[in-house]
Amino acid sequence: MKIFHNPRCTKSRQTLQLIEEKGADVEIVKYLDDTPSKSELKEVLKKLGMQPSQIIRKGESIYKEQFKGKDLSEDEWLDVLVNNPKLIERPIVVKGDKAVIGRPPENVLSLLD
């Protein structure tokens, strides 16, 4: 199991705590420091069953200032996420060929069965 984690985010911390309480082995990826490549992000999105535009944090100032209202292709949004990891919704938890966004943290329970 892998968590794309931001230690400063409450939901991310709660999700990680839930995983640890269940005794699952987890690899922690601090994605703001260790940003996933475009191909890694594509793979995660495939496991989520989502498009890049669906995991953008639209409340972030960088989104509002630089990207709000822009009509970008999904591939262009992927580039935006790789170049601006702060815009990636968090946390994302991956296990095998499945992934969930830990909002709410209880979403991760579906991967722990």
N, C-alpha and C. Protein backbone atom coordinates (compact mmCIF):
# COMPACT_ATOMS: atom_id res chain seq x y z
N MET A 1 0.85 -1.17 0.00
CA MET A 1 0.00 0.00 0.00
C MET A 1 0.89 1.24 0.00
N LYS A 2 0.46 2.24 -0.75
CA LYS A 2 1.23 3.48 -0.86
C LYS A 2 0.29 4.65 -0.65
N ILE A 3 0.76 5.65 0.11
CA ILE A 3 -0.03 6.87 0.31
C ILE A 3 0.77 8.05 -0.22
N PHE A 4 0.11 8.85 -1.08
CA PHE A 4 0.68 10.12 -1.51
C PHE A 4 0.22 11.12 -0.46
N HIS A 5 1.16 11.52 0.38
CA HIS A 5 0.88 12.15 1.67
C HIS A 5 1.46 13.56 1.75
N ASN A 6 0.68 14.44 2.38
CA ASN A 6 1.15 15.76 2.75
C ASN A 6 0.99 15.85 4.26
N PRO A 7 2.11 15.81 5.01
CA PRO A 7 2.03 15.81 6.48
C PRO A 7 1.35 17.05 7.06
N ARG A 8 1.25 18.13 6.28
CA ARG A 8 0.60 19.34 6.78
C ARG A 8 -0.91 19.31 6.62
N CYS A 9 -1.43 18.29 5.94
CA CYS A 9 -2.86 18.18 5.66
C CYS A 9 -3.54 17.29 6.70
N THR A 10 -4.57 17.81 7.33
CA THR A 10 -5.30 17.05 8.36
C THR A 10 -5.87 15.76 7.81
N LYS A 11 -6.54 15.82 6.64
CA LYS A 11 -7.15 14.61 6.07
C LYS A 11 -6.09 13.58 5.71
N SER A 12 -4.95 14.04 5.24
CA SER A 12 -3.87 13.14 4.90
C SER A 12 -3.34 12.45 6.16
N ARG A 13 -3.16 13.22 7.23
CA ARG A 13 -2.69 12.62 8.50
C ARG A 13 -3.72 11.64 9.05
N GLN A 14 -5.00 11.99 8.97
CA GLN A 14 -6.05 11.10 9.48
C GLN A 14 -6.09 9.80 8.68
N THR A 15 -5.93 9.90 7.37
CA THR A 15 -5.94 8.71 6.52
C THR A 15 -4.76 7.81 6.85
N LEU A 16 -3.58 8.40 6.98
CA LEU A 16 -2.39 7.62 7.33
C LEU A 16 -2.57 6.94 8.69
N GLN A 17 -3.12 7.66 9.65
CA GLN A 17 -3.36 7.09 10.97
C GLN A 17 -4.31 5.89 10.89
N LEU A 18 -5.35 6.01 10.09
CA LEU A 18 -6.32 4.93 9.91
C LEU A 18 -5.63 3.69 9.33
N ILE A 19 -4.78 3.89 8.33
CA ILE A 19 -4.03 2.78 7.72
C ILE A 19 -3.14 2.11 8.76
N GLU A 20 -2.42 2.93 9.54
CA GLU A 20 -1.51 2.38 10.54
C GLU A 20 -2.27 1.66 11.65
N GLU A 21 -3.44 2.19 12.04
CA GLU A 21 -4.25 1.53 13.08
C GLU A 21 -4.71 0.16 12.62
N LYS A 22 -4.93 0.00 11.32
CA LYS A 22 -5.35 -1.30 10.78
C LYS A 22 -4.17 -2.25 10.59
N GLY A 23 -2.97 -1.76 10.88
CA GLY A 23 -1.78 -2.61 10.81
C GLY A 23 -1.29 -2.90 9.41
N ALA A 24 -1.70 -2.11 8.45
CA ALA A 24 -1.29 -2.34 7.06
C ALA A 24 0.11 -1.76 6.84
N ASP A 25 0.90 -2.46 6.02
CA ASP A 25 2.19 -1.93 5.60
C ASP A 25 1.93 -0.81 4.61
N VAL A 26 2.60 0.32 4.82
CA VAL A 26 2.35 1.47 3.95
C VAL A 26 3.66 2.18 3.62
N GLU A 27 3.79 2.49 2.35
CA GLU A 27 4.91 3.31 1.88
C GLU A 27 4.39 4.74 1.81
N ILE A 28 5.10 5.65 2.45
CA ILE A 28 4.68 7.05 2.47
C ILE A 28 5.47 7.82 1.42
N VAL A 29 4.74 8.44 0.49
CA VAL A 29 5.36 9.27 -0.53
C VAL A 29 4.95 10.71 -0.25
N LYS A 30 5.91 11.52 0.18
CA LYS A 30 5.63 12.94 0.39
C LYS A 30 5.71 13.60 -0.97
N TYR A 31 4.55 13.61 -1.65
CA TYR A 31 4.50 13.97 -3.06
C TYR A 31 4.90 15.42 -3.36
N LEU A 32 4.88 16.30 -2.35
CA LEU A 32 5.32 17.67 -2.60
C LEU A 32 6.84 17.73 -2.75
N ASP A 33 7.54 16.79 -2.07
CA ASP A 33 9.00 16.70 -2.16
C ASP A 33 9.43 15.72 -3.25
N ASP A 34 8.67 14.65 -3.40
CA ASP A 34 8.99 13.58 -4.34
C ASP A 34 7.82 13.46 -5.32
N THR A 35 7.73 14.43 -6.22
CA THR A 35 6.59 14.51 -7.14
C THR A 35 6.56 13.33 -8.10
N PRO A 36 5.40 12.70 -8.25
CA PRO A 36 5.30 11.59 -9.22
C PRO A 36 5.53 12.09 -10.64
N SER A 37 6.12 11.24 -11.46
CA SER A 37 6.32 11.57 -12.87
C SER A 37 4.97 11.54 -13.57
N LYS A 38 4.96 12.00 -14.81
CA LYS A 38 3.74 12.00 -15.60
C LYS A 38 3.22 10.57 -15.76
N SER A 39 4.12 9.63 -16.04
CA SER A 39 3.68 8.23 -16.21
C SER A 39 3.18 7.63 -14.90
N GLU A 40 3.82 7.97 -13.78
CA GLU A 40 3.35 7.48 -12.47
C GLU A 40 1.96 8.04 -12.18
N LEU A 41 1.78 9.31 -12.45
CA LEU A 41 0.49 9.95 -12.19
C LEU A 41 -0.60 9.36 -13.08
N LYS A 42 -0.26 9.08 -14.33
CA LYS A 42 -1.22 8.42 -15.24
C LYS A 42 -1.65 7.08 -14.68
N GLU A 43 -0.71 6.31 -14.16
CA GLU A 43 -1.00 4.99 -13.59
C GLU A 43 -1.92 5.12 -12.38
N VAL A 44 -1.64 6.09 -11.51
CA VAL A 44 -2.47 6.32 -10.33
C VAL A 44 -3.89 6.72 -10.75
N LEU A 45 -3.99 7.60 -11.73
CA LEU A 45 -5.29 8.03 -12.22
C LEU A 45 -6.09 6.87 -12.81
N LYS A 46 -5.40 5.98 -13.50
CA LYS A 46 -6.06 4.79 -14.06
C LYS A 46 -6.65 3.95 -12.92
N LYS A 47 -5.88 3.80 -11.83
CA LYS A 47 -6.35 3.01 -10.69
C LYS A 47 -7.50 3.71 -9.97
N LEU A 48 -7.50 5.05 -10.00
CA LEU A 48 -8.59 5.81 -9.40
C LEU A 48 -9.83 5.79 -10.29
N GLY A 49 -9.62 5.55 -11.60
CA GLY A 49 -10.72 5.65 -12.55
C GLY A 49 -11.13 7.09 -12.78
N MET A 50 -10.12 7.99 -12.74
CA MET A 50 -10.39 9.42 -12.86
C MET A 50 -9.49 10.05 -13.91
N GLN A 51 -9.88 11.25 -14.31
CA GLN A 51 -9.09 12.07 -15.22
C GLN A 51 -8.30 13.10 -14.41
N PRO A 52 -7.20 13.62 -14.96
CA PRO A 52 -6.41 14.62 -14.22
C PRO A 52 -7.24 15.80 -13.71
N SER A 53 -8.17 16.27 -14.52
CA SER A 53 -8.98 17.44 -14.12
C SER A 53 -9.85 17.15 -12.89
N GLN A 54 -10.08 15.87 -12.61
CA GLN A 54 -10.94 15.49 -11.48
C GLN A 54 -10.21 15.47 -10.14
N ILE A 55 -8.87 15.57 -10.16
CA ILE A 55 -8.14 15.52 -8.89
C ILE A 55 -7.43 16.85 -8.60
N ILE A 56 -7.89 17.91 -9.23
CA ILE A 56 -7.29 19.23 -9.03
C ILE A 56 -7.92 19.91 -7.82
N ARG A 57 -7.06 20.45 -6.98
CA ARG A 57 -7.52 21.21 -5.82
C ARG A 57 -7.83 22.64 -6.29
N LYS A 58 -9.10 22.88 -6.56
CA LYS A 58 -9.51 24.15 -7.15
C LYS A 58 -9.54 25.30 -6.15
N GLY A 59 -9.38 25.00 -4.88
CA GLY A 59 -9.35 26.06 -3.88
C GLY A 59 -7.98 26.68 -3.68
N GLU A 60 -6.96 26.07 -4.27
CA GLU A 60 -5.59 26.58 -4.12
C GLU A 60 -5.42 27.89 -4.89
N SER A 61 -4.67 28.82 -4.30
CA SER A 61 -4.48 30.12 -4.95
C SER A 61 -3.79 29.98 -6.31
N ILE A 62 -2.86 29.06 -6.45
CA ILE A 62 -2.18 28.88 -7.74
C ILE A 62 -3.18 28.47 -8.83
N TYR A 63 -4.18 27.69 -8.47
CA TYR A 63 -5.21 27.31 -9.43
C TYR A 63 -6.02 28.55 -9.83
N LYS A 64 -6.47 29.28 -8.81
CA LYS A 64 -7.32 30.45 -9.07
C LYS A 64 -6.58 31.51 -9.90
N GLU A 65 -5.28 31.67 -9.64
CA GLU A 65 -4.50 32.71 -10.31
C GLU A 65 -4.05 32.32 -11.71
N GLN A 66 -3.76 31.02 -11.92
CA GLN A 66 -3.14 30.63 -13.19
C GLN A 66 -3.99 29.73 -14.09
N PHE A 67 -4.94 28.99 -13.51
CA PHE A 67 -5.60 27.96 -14.31
C PHE A 67 -7.12 28.03 -14.35
N LYS A 68 -7.73 28.75 -13.43
CA LYS A 68 -9.19 28.82 -13.38
C LYS A 68 -9.74 29.35 -14.70
N GLY A 69 -10.74 28.64 -15.23
CA GLY A 69 -11.39 29.06 -16.46
C GLY A 69 -10.67 28.66 -17.74
N LYS A 70 -9.49 28.05 -17.60
CA LYS A 70 -8.75 27.62 -18.80
C LYS A 70 -9.32 26.30 -19.32
N ASP A 71 -9.37 26.18 -20.62
CA ASP A 71 -9.87 24.98 -21.27
C ASP A 71 -8.67 24.14 -21.71
N LEU A 72 -8.20 23.28 -20.81
CA LEU A 72 -7.02 22.45 -21.09
C LEU A 72 -7.44 21.01 -21.36
N SER A 73 -6.66 20.34 -22.17
CA SER A 73 -6.90 18.91 -22.40
C SER A 73 -6.48 18.15 -21.15
N GLU A 74 -6.92 16.89 -21.05
CA GLU A 74 -6.54 16.09 -19.88
C GLU A 74 -5.01 15.92 -19.83
N ASP A 75 -4.36 15.80 -20.98
CA ASP A 75 -2.91 15.68 -21.00
C ASP A 75 -2.24 16.97 -20.50
N GLU A 76 -2.81 18.10 -20.86
CA GLU A 76 -2.28 19.38 -20.37
C GLU A 76 -2.49 19.51 -18.86
N TRP A 77 -3.65 19.05 -18.35
CA TRP A 77 -3.88 19.07 -16.90
C TRP A 77 -2.87 18.17 -16.20
N LEU A 78 -2.53 17.05 -16.82
CA LEU A 78 -1.52 16.15 -16.25
C LEU A 78 -0.19 16.89 -16.10
N ASP A 79 0.21 17.64 -17.12
CA ASP A 79 1.44 18.43 -17.04
C ASP A 79 1.34 19.46 -15.91
N VAL A 80 0.17 20.11 -15.79
CA VAL A 80 -0.03 21.09 -14.72
C VAL A 80 0.18 20.44 -13.35
N LEU A 81 -0.38 19.24 -13.16
CA LEU A 81 -0.25 18.55 -11.87
C LEU A 81 1.20 18.17 -11.58
N VAL A 82 1.91 17.68 -12.58
CA VAL A 82 3.31 17.29 -12.38
C VAL A 82 4.15 18.52 -12.03
N ASN A 83 3.86 19.64 -12.68
CA ASN A 83 4.63 20.86 -12.44
C ASN A 83 4.16 21.65 -11.22
N ASN A 84 2.98 21.32 -10.71
CA ASN A 84 2.40 22.02 -9.54
C ASN A 84 1.77 20.98 -8.62
N PRO A 85 2.59 20.14 -7.96
CA PRO A 85 2.03 19.04 -7.16
C PRO A 85 1.10 19.49 -6.05
N LYS A 86 1.18 20.75 -5.66
CA LYS A 86 0.28 21.28 -4.63
C LYS A 86 -1.18 21.17 -5.08
N LEU A 87 -1.40 21.10 -6.40
CA LEU A 87 -2.75 21.02 -6.93
C LEU A 87 -3.33 19.61 -6.93
N ILE A 88 -2.51 18.61 -6.60
CA ILE A 88 -2.99 17.22 -6.58
C ILE A 88 -3.82 17.00 -5.32
N GLU A 89 -5.06 16.52 -5.49
CA GLU A 89 -5.92 16.21 -4.34
C GLU A 89 -5.20 15.19 -3.46
N ARG A 90 -5.42 15.31 -2.18
CA ARG A 90 -4.72 14.46 -1.23
C ARG A 90 -5.64 13.98 -0.14
N PRO A 91 -5.28 12.90 0.49
CA PRO A 91 -4.24 11.96 0.08
C PRO A 91 -4.79 10.97 -0.94
N ILE A 92 -3.90 10.39 -1.72
CA ILE A 92 -4.27 9.30 -2.61
C ILE A 92 -3.61 8.05 -2.07
N VAL A 93 -4.40 7.01 -1.92
CA VAL A 93 -3.88 5.74 -1.40
C VAL A 93 -4.05 4.68 -2.49
N VAL A 94 -2.96 3.97 -2.76
CA VAL A 94 -2.94 2.95 -3.81
C VAL A 94 -2.63 1.59 -3.19
N LYS A 95 -3.39 0.61 -3.62
CA LYS A 95 -3.11 -0.78 -3.22
C LYS A 95 -3.39 -1.66 -4.43
N GLY A 96 -2.35 -2.30 -4.93
CA GLY A 96 -2.52 -3.15 -6.09
C GLY A 96 -3.01 -2.36 -7.28
N ASP A 97 -4.13 -2.81 -7.86
CA ASP A 97 -4.66 -2.13 -9.04
C ASP A 97 -5.82 -1.19 -8.70
N LYS A 98 -5.93 -0.83 -7.42
CA LYS A 98 -6.99 0.07 -6.98
C LYS A 98 -6.40 1.26 -6.23
N ALA A 99 -7.13 2.36 -6.25
CA ALA A 99 -6.73 3.56 -5.52
C ALA A 99 -7.97 4.32 -5.09
N VAL A 100 -7.83 5.08 -4.01
CA VAL A 100 -8.90 5.95 -3.52
C VAL A 100 -8.30 7.28 -3.07
N ILE A 101 -9.15 8.29 -3.06
CA ILE A 101 -8.77 9.56 -2.45
C ILE A 101 -9.30 9.53 -1.03
N GLY A 102 -8.45 9.84 -0.08
CA GLY A 102 -8.81 9.76 1.34
C GLY A 102 -9.59 10.96 1.82
N ARG A 103 -10.64 11.30 1.13
CA ARG A 103 -11.56 12.37 1.54
C ARG A 103 -12.96 11.82 1.39
N PRO A 104 -13.58 11.38 2.44
CA PRO A 104 -13.10 11.35 3.82
C PRO A 104 -12.09 10.21 4.02
N PRO A 105 -11.33 10.28 5.13
CA PRO A 105 -10.32 9.25 5.39
C PRO A 105 -10.88 7.83 5.35
N GLU A 106 -12.15 7.66 5.69
CA GLU A 106 -12.76 6.33 5.71
C GLU A 106 -12.80 5.67 4.33
N ASN A 107 -12.62 6.46 3.27
CA ASN A 107 -12.56 5.87 1.92
C ASN A 107 -11.49 4.79 1.82
N VAL A 108 -10.44 4.94 2.62
CA VAL A 108 -9.32 3.99 2.55
C VAL A 108 -9.72 2.60 3.06
N LEU A 109 -10.79 2.53 3.82
CA LEU A 109 -11.20 1.24 4.38
C LEU A 109 -11.52 0.23 3.28
N SER A 110 -11.97 0.71 2.12
CA SER A 110 -12.28 -0.20 1.02
C SER A 110 -11.03 -0.90 0.50
N LEU A 111 -9.86 -0.36 0.77
CA LEU A 111 -8.61 -0.99 0.33
C LEU A 111 -8.01 -1.90 1.41
N LEU A 112 -8.58 -1.84 2.60
CA LEU A 112 -8.00 -2.56 3.73
C LEU A 112 -8.67 -3.91 3.98
N ASP A 113 -9.71 -4.25 3.23
CA ASP A 113 -10.42 -5.52 3.44
C ASP A 113 -9.62 -6.68 2.92
